[in-house]
């Protein structure tokens, strides 16, 4: 290294680590800090908290969440495929037209629709 360095004042550090009595010592075993986060996921904690006491452990909360997801999927499938309107049956003959609609037909239309009994 640089032996001609004029800035070093000759500080002796050879005995700096020898005196261990001045250091802080812990009595007994060293205690570790508890982790801030628990092992239980937050959503399971919320289900257990807001269940009103019905759900008491993680296993029940997991079953509840799986059931909730299944019901949500079933409701969404019902909403997607259950509320479609059926297409009306094609009218080929006069007799296929409901009577309330026949009364509302303008004059002349009735004669253009063929009858299946002809």
N, C-alpha and C. Protein backbone atom coordinates (compact mmCIF):
# COMPACT_ATOMS: atom_id res chain seq x y z
N UNK A 1 0.83 -1.17 0.00
CA UNK A 1 0.00 0.00 0.00
C UNK A 1 0.88 1.24 0.00
N UNK A 2 0.25 2.35 0.26
CA UNK A 2 0.98 3.61 0.22
C UNK A 2 1.62 3.87 1.59
N UNK A 3 2.93 3.63 1.70
CA UNK A 3 3.60 3.83 2.98
C UNK A 3 4.04 5.27 3.17
N UNK A 4 4.04 6.03 2.13
CA UNK A 4 4.47 7.42 2.23
C UNK A 4 3.30 8.37 2.44
N UNK A 5 2.17 7.84 2.85
CA UNK A 5 0.99 8.67 3.05
C UNK A 5 1.18 9.51 4.29
N UNK A 6 1.11 10.79 4.13
CA UNK A 6 1.34 11.72 5.24
C UNK A 6 0.07 11.90 6.09
N UNK A 7 -1.09 11.46 5.58
CA UNK A 7 -2.33 11.68 6.32
C UNK A 7 -2.50 10.70 7.48
N UNK A 8 -1.87 9.52 7.40
CA UNK A 8 -2.05 8.56 8.48
C UNK A 8 -1.20 9.02 9.66
N UNK A 9 -1.80 9.12 10.80
CA UNK A 9 -1.14 9.64 11.99
C UNK A 9 -0.60 8.52 12.87
N UNK A 10 -0.63 7.31 12.37
CA UNK A 10 -0.10 6.20 13.16
C UNK A 10 -1.11 5.70 14.16
N UNK A 11 -2.34 5.48 13.75
CA UNK A 11 -3.38 5.00 14.67
C UNK A 11 -3.16 3.51 14.86
N UNK A 12 -3.13 3.08 16.11
CA UNK A 12 -2.91 1.68 16.42
C UNK A 12 -4.26 0.99 16.61
N UNK A 13 -4.57 0.07 15.72
CA UNK A 13 -5.83 -0.68 15.81
C UNK A 13 -5.58 -2.15 16.13
N UNK A 14 -4.45 -2.50 16.55
CA UNK A 14 -4.11 -3.90 16.77
C UNK A 14 -4.86 -4.50 17.96
N UNK A 15 -5.21 -3.70 18.96
CA UNK A 15 -5.90 -4.23 20.15
C UNK A 15 -7.38 -3.82 20.18
N UNK A 16 -7.89 -3.38 19.09
CA UNK A 16 -9.27 -2.89 19.08
C UNK A 16 -10.28 -4.02 19.28
N UNK A 17 -9.97 -5.20 18.81
CA UNK A 17 -10.90 -6.32 18.92
C UNK A 17 -10.60 -7.21 20.12
N UNK A 18 -9.56 -6.95 20.86
CA UNK A 18 -9.20 -7.79 22.00
C UNK A 18 -10.14 -7.59 23.19
N UNK A 19 -10.61 -6.40 23.41
CA UNK A 19 -11.43 -6.10 24.59
C UNK A 19 -12.89 -6.41 24.28
N UNK A 20 -13.32 -7.62 24.57
CA UNK A 20 -14.71 -7.98 24.28
C UNK A 20 -15.64 -7.70 25.45
N UNK A 21 -15.11 -7.29 26.58
CA UNK A 21 -15.97 -7.02 27.73
C UNK A 21 -16.76 -5.73 27.55
N UNK A 22 -16.30 -4.86 26.69
CA UNK A 22 -17.02 -3.61 26.48
C UNK A 22 -18.19 -3.77 25.51
N UNK A 23 -18.28 -4.90 24.88
CA UNK A 23 -19.36 -5.14 23.92
C UNK A 23 -20.65 -5.52 24.63
N UNK A 24 -21.72 -5.34 23.94
CA UNK A 24 -23.03 -5.69 24.49
C UNK A 24 -23.20 -7.20 24.40
N UNK A 25 -23.62 -7.81 25.49
CA UNK A 25 -23.86 -9.24 25.51
C UNK A 25 -25.32 -9.49 25.86
N UNK A 26 -25.87 -10.54 25.23
CA UNK A 26 -27.25 -10.92 25.51
C UNK A 26 -27.26 -12.08 26.48
N UNK A 27 -28.18 -12.03 27.40
CA UNK A 27 -28.30 -13.13 28.36
C UNK A 27 -29.22 -14.19 27.77
N UNK A 28 -28.83 -15.40 27.87
CA UNK A 28 -29.66 -16.50 27.37
C UNK A 28 -29.59 -16.56 25.86
N UNK A 29 -30.60 -17.20 25.29
CA UNK A 29 -30.64 -17.32 23.84
C UNK A 29 -31.05 -16.01 23.20
N UNK A 30 -30.60 -15.85 22.00
CA UNK A 30 -30.97 -14.64 21.27
C UNK A 30 -32.41 -14.77 20.82
N UNK A 31 -33.19 -13.74 21.06
CA UNK A 31 -34.60 -13.76 20.68
C UNK A 31 -34.76 -13.15 19.30
N UNK A 32 -35.51 -13.84 18.48
CA UNK A 32 -35.76 -13.35 17.13
C UNK A 32 -37.08 -12.62 17.10
N UNK A 33 -37.15 -11.62 16.27
CA UNK A 33 -38.40 -10.88 16.13
C UNK A 33 -39.43 -11.77 15.44
N UNK A 34 -40.67 -11.67 15.88
CA UNK A 34 -41.73 -12.44 15.25
C UNK A 34 -42.04 -11.85 13.88
N UNK A 35 -42.33 -12.68 12.93
CA UNK A 35 -42.65 -12.13 11.60
C UNK A 35 -43.93 -11.30 11.65
N UNK A 36 -43.95 -10.25 10.88
CA UNK A 36 -45.10 -9.34 10.86
C UNK A 36 -46.30 -10.02 10.22
N UNK A 37 -46.05 -10.80 9.18
CA UNK A 37 -47.13 -11.46 8.46
C UNK A 37 -47.34 -12.85 9.01
N UNK A 38 -48.60 -13.22 9.14
CA UNK A 38 -48.89 -14.58 9.59
C UNK A 38 -48.92 -15.51 8.38
N UNK A 39 -49.00 -16.79 8.66
CA UNK A 39 -49.03 -17.77 7.59
C UNK A 39 -50.40 -17.85 6.93
N UNK A 40 -51.42 -17.35 7.59
CA UNK A 40 -52.78 -17.41 7.06
C UNK A 40 -52.99 -16.28 6.06
N UNK A 41 -53.49 -16.59 4.86
CA UNK A 41 -53.75 -15.54 3.88
C UNK A 41 -54.80 -14.55 4.40
N UNK A 42 -54.72 -13.35 3.90
CA UNK A 42 -55.59 -12.27 4.38
C UNK A 42 -57.06 -12.55 4.09
N UNK A 43 -57.37 -13.12 2.94
CA UNK A 43 -58.77 -13.35 2.61
C UNK A 43 -59.40 -14.38 3.54
N UNK A 44 -58.61 -15.37 3.98
CA UNK A 44 -59.13 -16.35 4.93
C UNK A 44 -59.33 -15.70 6.29
N UNK A 45 -58.44 -14.82 6.67
CA UNK A 45 -58.63 -14.08 7.92
C UNK A 45 -59.90 -13.25 7.87
N UNK A 46 -60.17 -12.61 6.73
CA UNK A 46 -61.38 -11.80 6.61
C UNK A 46 -62.64 -12.66 6.65
N UNK A 47 -62.61 -13.82 6.01
CA UNK A 47 -63.77 -14.72 6.03
C UNK A 47 -64.04 -15.18 7.45
N UNK A 48 -63.00 -15.53 8.18
CA UNK A 48 -63.18 -15.97 9.57
C UNK A 48 -63.67 -14.83 10.45
N UNK A 49 -63.20 -13.63 10.19
CA UNK A 49 -63.58 -12.48 11.01
C UNK A 49 -65.03 -12.08 10.79
N UNK A 50 -65.47 -12.04 9.52
CA UNK A 50 -66.81 -11.55 9.21
C UNK A 50 -67.85 -12.65 9.08
N UNK A 51 -67.53 -13.88 9.49
CA UNK A 51 -68.51 -14.96 9.39
C UNK A 51 -69.48 -14.97 10.56
N UNK A 52 -69.23 -14.17 11.55
CA UNK A 52 -70.11 -14.14 12.71
C UNK A 52 -69.90 -15.34 13.62
N UNK A 53 -68.75 -15.97 13.56
CA UNK A 53 -68.45 -17.10 14.42
C UNK A 53 -68.78 -18.44 13.81
N UNK A 54 -69.36 -18.47 12.62
CA UNK A 54 -69.70 -19.74 11.98
C UNK A 54 -68.46 -20.46 11.46
N UNK A 55 -67.49 -19.71 10.99
CA UNK A 55 -66.26 -20.30 10.46
C UNK A 55 -65.18 -20.12 11.51
N UNK A 56 -64.67 -21.25 12.01
CA UNK A 56 -63.76 -21.18 13.14
C UNK A 56 -62.29 -21.44 12.80
N UNK A 57 -62.01 -22.10 11.67
CA UNK A 57 -60.61 -22.37 11.33
C UNK A 57 -60.38 -22.21 9.83
N UNK A 58 -59.13 -22.37 9.44
CA UNK A 58 -58.74 -22.15 8.03
C UNK A 58 -59.38 -23.15 7.09
N UNK A 59 -59.53 -24.39 7.55
CA UNK A 59 -60.10 -25.43 6.69
C UNK A 59 -61.54 -25.08 6.32
N UNK A 60 -62.33 -24.64 7.29
CA UNK A 60 -63.71 -24.24 7.02
C UNK A 60 -63.75 -23.02 6.10
N UNK A 61 -62.82 -22.09 6.29
CA UNK A 61 -62.78 -20.90 5.44
C UNK A 61 -62.43 -21.28 4.01
N UNK A 62 -61.53 -22.25 3.83
CA UNK A 62 -61.20 -22.71 2.48
C UNK A 62 -62.40 -23.35 1.81
N UNK A 63 -63.13 -24.20 2.55
CA UNK A 63 -64.33 -24.83 1.99
C UNK A 63 -65.37 -23.78 1.61
N UNK A 64 -65.52 -22.78 2.45
CA UNK A 64 -66.47 -21.71 2.16
C UNK A 64 -66.08 -20.97 0.88
N UNK A 65 -64.80 -20.65 0.73
CA UNK A 65 -64.36 -19.91 -0.45
C UNK A 65 -64.51 -20.74 -1.72
N UNK A 66 -64.22 -22.04 -1.64
CA UNK A 66 -64.41 -22.89 -2.82
C UNK A 66 -65.89 -22.95 -3.19
N UNK A 67 -66.76 -23.10 -2.20
CA UNK A 67 -68.20 -23.11 -2.45
C UNK A 67 -68.68 -21.80 -3.04
N UNK A 68 -68.14 -20.70 -2.53
CA UNK A 68 -68.52 -19.39 -3.04
C UNK A 68 -68.14 -19.23 -4.51
N UNK A 69 -66.96 -19.71 -4.87
CA UNK A 69 -66.51 -19.62 -6.26
C UNK A 69 -67.39 -20.48 -7.16
N UNK A 70 -67.75 -21.68 -6.71
CA UNK A 70 -68.61 -22.56 -7.50
C UNK A 70 -69.98 -21.91 -7.72
N UNK A 71 -70.56 -21.35 -6.67
CA UNK A 71 -71.86 -20.68 -6.80
C UNK A 71 -71.75 -19.47 -7.72
N UNK A 72 -70.69 -18.71 -7.61
CA UNK A 72 -70.51 -17.54 -8.48
C UNK A 72 -70.40 -17.94 -9.94
N UNK A 73 -69.70 -19.03 -10.22
CA UNK A 73 -69.59 -19.50 -11.60
C UNK A 73 -70.95 -19.98 -12.11
N UNK A 74 -71.70 -20.68 -11.27
CA UNK A 74 -73.03 -21.16 -11.69
C UNK A 74 -73.97 -20.00 -11.98
N UNK A 75 -73.96 -18.99 -11.12
CA UNK A 75 -74.82 -17.82 -11.34
C UNK A 75 -74.42 -17.09 -12.62
N UNK A 76 -73.12 -16.94 -12.86
CA UNK A 76 -72.70 -16.24 -14.07
C UNK A 76 -73.08 -17.03 -15.32
N UNK A 77 -72.96 -18.37 -15.29
CA UNK A 77 -73.37 -19.17 -16.43
C UNK A 77 -74.88 -19.09 -16.65
N UNK A 78 -75.65 -19.07 -15.57
CA UNK A 78 -77.10 -18.93 -15.69
C UNK A 78 -77.47 -17.58 -16.30
N UNK A 79 -76.77 -16.54 -15.87
CA UNK A 79 -77.06 -15.21 -16.42
C UNK A 79 -76.67 -15.12 -17.88
N UNK A 80 -75.60 -15.81 -18.27
CA UNK A 80 -75.17 -15.75 -19.66
C UNK A 80 -76.08 -16.56 -20.58
N UNK A 81 -76.49 -17.74 -20.13
CA UNK A 81 -77.21 -18.63 -21.03
C UNK A 81 -78.68 -18.85 -20.65
N UNK A 82 -79.12 -18.39 -19.51
CA UNK A 82 -80.47 -18.69 -19.05
C UNK A 82 -81.52 -17.69 -19.44
N UNK A 83 -81.16 -16.46 -19.71
CA UNK A 83 -82.16 -15.43 -19.96
C UNK A 83 -82.31 -15.08 -21.43
N UNK A 84 -81.91 -15.94 -22.30
CA UNK A 84 -82.09 -15.61 -23.70
C UNK A 84 -83.54 -15.92 -24.10
N UNK A 85 -84.07 -15.10 -24.95
CA UNK A 85 -85.45 -15.31 -25.41
C UNK A 85 -85.44 -16.28 -26.57
N UNK A 86 -86.43 -17.11 -26.58
CA UNK A 86 -86.52 -18.07 -27.68
C UNK A 86 -87.05 -17.36 -28.91
N UNK A 87 -86.53 -17.74 -30.02
CA UNK A 87 -87.01 -17.15 -31.26
C UNK A 87 -88.40 -17.70 -31.57
N UNK A 88 -89.28 -16.84 -32.00
CA UNK A 88 -90.63 -17.33 -32.28
C UNK A 88 -90.63 -18.30 -33.45
N UNK A 89 -91.60 -19.19 -33.41
CA UNK A 89 -91.73 -20.18 -34.47
C UNK A 89 -92.13 -19.46 -35.76
N UNK A 90 -91.53 -19.87 -36.84
CA UNK A 90 -91.84 -19.23 -38.12
C UNK A 90 -93.29 -19.52 -38.51
N UNK A 91 -93.97 -18.50 -38.99
CA UNK A 91 -95.37 -18.64 -39.39
C UNK A 91 -95.41 -19.05 -40.85
N UNK A 92 -96.03 -20.22 -41.09
CA UNK A 92 -96.17 -20.69 -42.46
C UNK A 92 -97.63 -20.66 -42.89
N UNK A 93 -98.52 -20.86 -41.93
CA UNK A 93 -99.94 -20.95 -42.25
C UNK A 93 -100.74 -20.01 -41.36
N UNK A 94 -101.97 -19.71 -41.80
CA UNK A 94 -102.85 -18.82 -41.03
C UNK A 94 -103.14 -19.38 -39.65
N UNK A 95 -103.27 -20.66 -39.57
CA UNK A 95 -103.65 -21.28 -38.32
C UNK A 95 -102.55 -21.20 -37.25
N UNK A 96 -101.31 -20.92 -37.68
CA UNK A 96 -100.20 -20.79 -36.74
C UNK A 96 -100.19 -19.42 -36.05
N UNK A 97 -100.94 -18.48 -36.58
CA UNK A 97 -100.96 -17.13 -36.01
C UNK A 97 -101.90 -17.13 -34.81
N UNK A 98 -101.46 -16.65 -33.64
CA UNK A 98 -102.36 -16.56 -32.49
C UNK A 98 -103.54 -15.64 -32.77
N UNK A 99 -104.66 -15.93 -32.11
CA UNK A 99 -105.89 -15.19 -32.40
C UNK A 99 -105.76 -13.71 -32.05
N UNK A 100 -105.04 -13.36 -30.99
CA UNK A 100 -104.89 -11.94 -30.64
C UNK A 100 -104.09 -11.18 -31.67
N UNK A 101 -103.19 -11.87 -32.38
CA UNK A 101 -102.43 -11.23 -33.44
C UNK A 101 -103.28 -11.12 -34.70
N UNK A 102 -104.10 -12.14 -34.95
CA UNK A 102 -104.96 -12.12 -36.14
C UNK A 102 -105.89 -10.92 -36.14
N UNK A 103 -106.35 -10.55 -34.96
CA UNK A 103 -107.28 -9.43 -34.86
C UNK A 103 -106.58 -8.11 -35.20
N UNK A 104 -105.27 -8.04 -34.99
CA UNK A 104 -104.53 -6.81 -35.21
C UNK A 104 -103.95 -6.70 -36.62
N UNK A 105 -104.11 -7.74 -37.43
CA UNK A 105 -103.56 -7.69 -38.79
C UNK A 105 -104.32 -6.67 -39.63
N UNK A 106 -103.60 -5.90 -40.43
CA UNK A 106 -104.30 -4.94 -41.30
C UNK A 106 -105.11 -5.68 -42.37
N UNK A 107 -106.10 -5.04 -42.92
CA UNK A 107 -106.92 -5.70 -43.93
C UNK A 107 -106.09 -6.07 -45.16
N UNK A 108 -106.35 -7.21 -45.71
CA UNK A 108 -105.66 -7.67 -46.90
C UNK A 108 -104.50 -8.59 -46.62
N UNK A 109 -103.91 -8.55 -45.41
CA UNK A 109 -102.78 -9.41 -45.09
C UNK A 109 -103.25 -10.83 -44.85
N UNK A 110 -104.42 -10.97 -44.29
CA UNK A 110 -104.94 -12.29 -43.96
C UNK A 110 -105.08 -13.17 -45.21
N UNK A 111 -105.41 -12.57 -46.29
CA UNK A 111 -105.62 -13.34 -47.52
C UNK A 111 -104.29 -13.75 -48.16
N UNK A 112 -103.17 -13.07 -47.84
CA UNK A 112 -101.88 -13.44 -48.45
C UNK A 112 -101.22 -14.61 -47.74
N UNK A 113 -101.66 -14.93 -46.54
CA UNK A 113 -101.07 -16.05 -45.79
C UNK A 113 -101.83 -17.33 -46.18
N UNK A 114 -101.11 -18.36 -46.64
CA UNK A 114 -101.80 -19.57 -47.08
C UNK A 114 -102.38 -20.36 -45.90
N UNK A 115 -103.38 -21.14 -46.18
CA UNK A 115 -103.97 -22.00 -45.18
C UNK A 115 -103.45 -23.41 -45.37
N UNK A 116 -103.21 -24.12 -44.29
CA UNK A 116 -102.69 -25.47 -44.42
C UNK A 116 -103.79 -26.48 -44.76
N UNK A 117 -105.02 -26.05 -44.75
CA UNK A 117 -106.13 -26.95 -45.06
C UNK A 117 -106.59 -26.80 -46.50
N UNK A 118 -105.88 -26.08 -47.32
CA UNK A 118 -106.31 -25.90 -48.71
C UNK A 118 -105.87 -27.03 -49.59
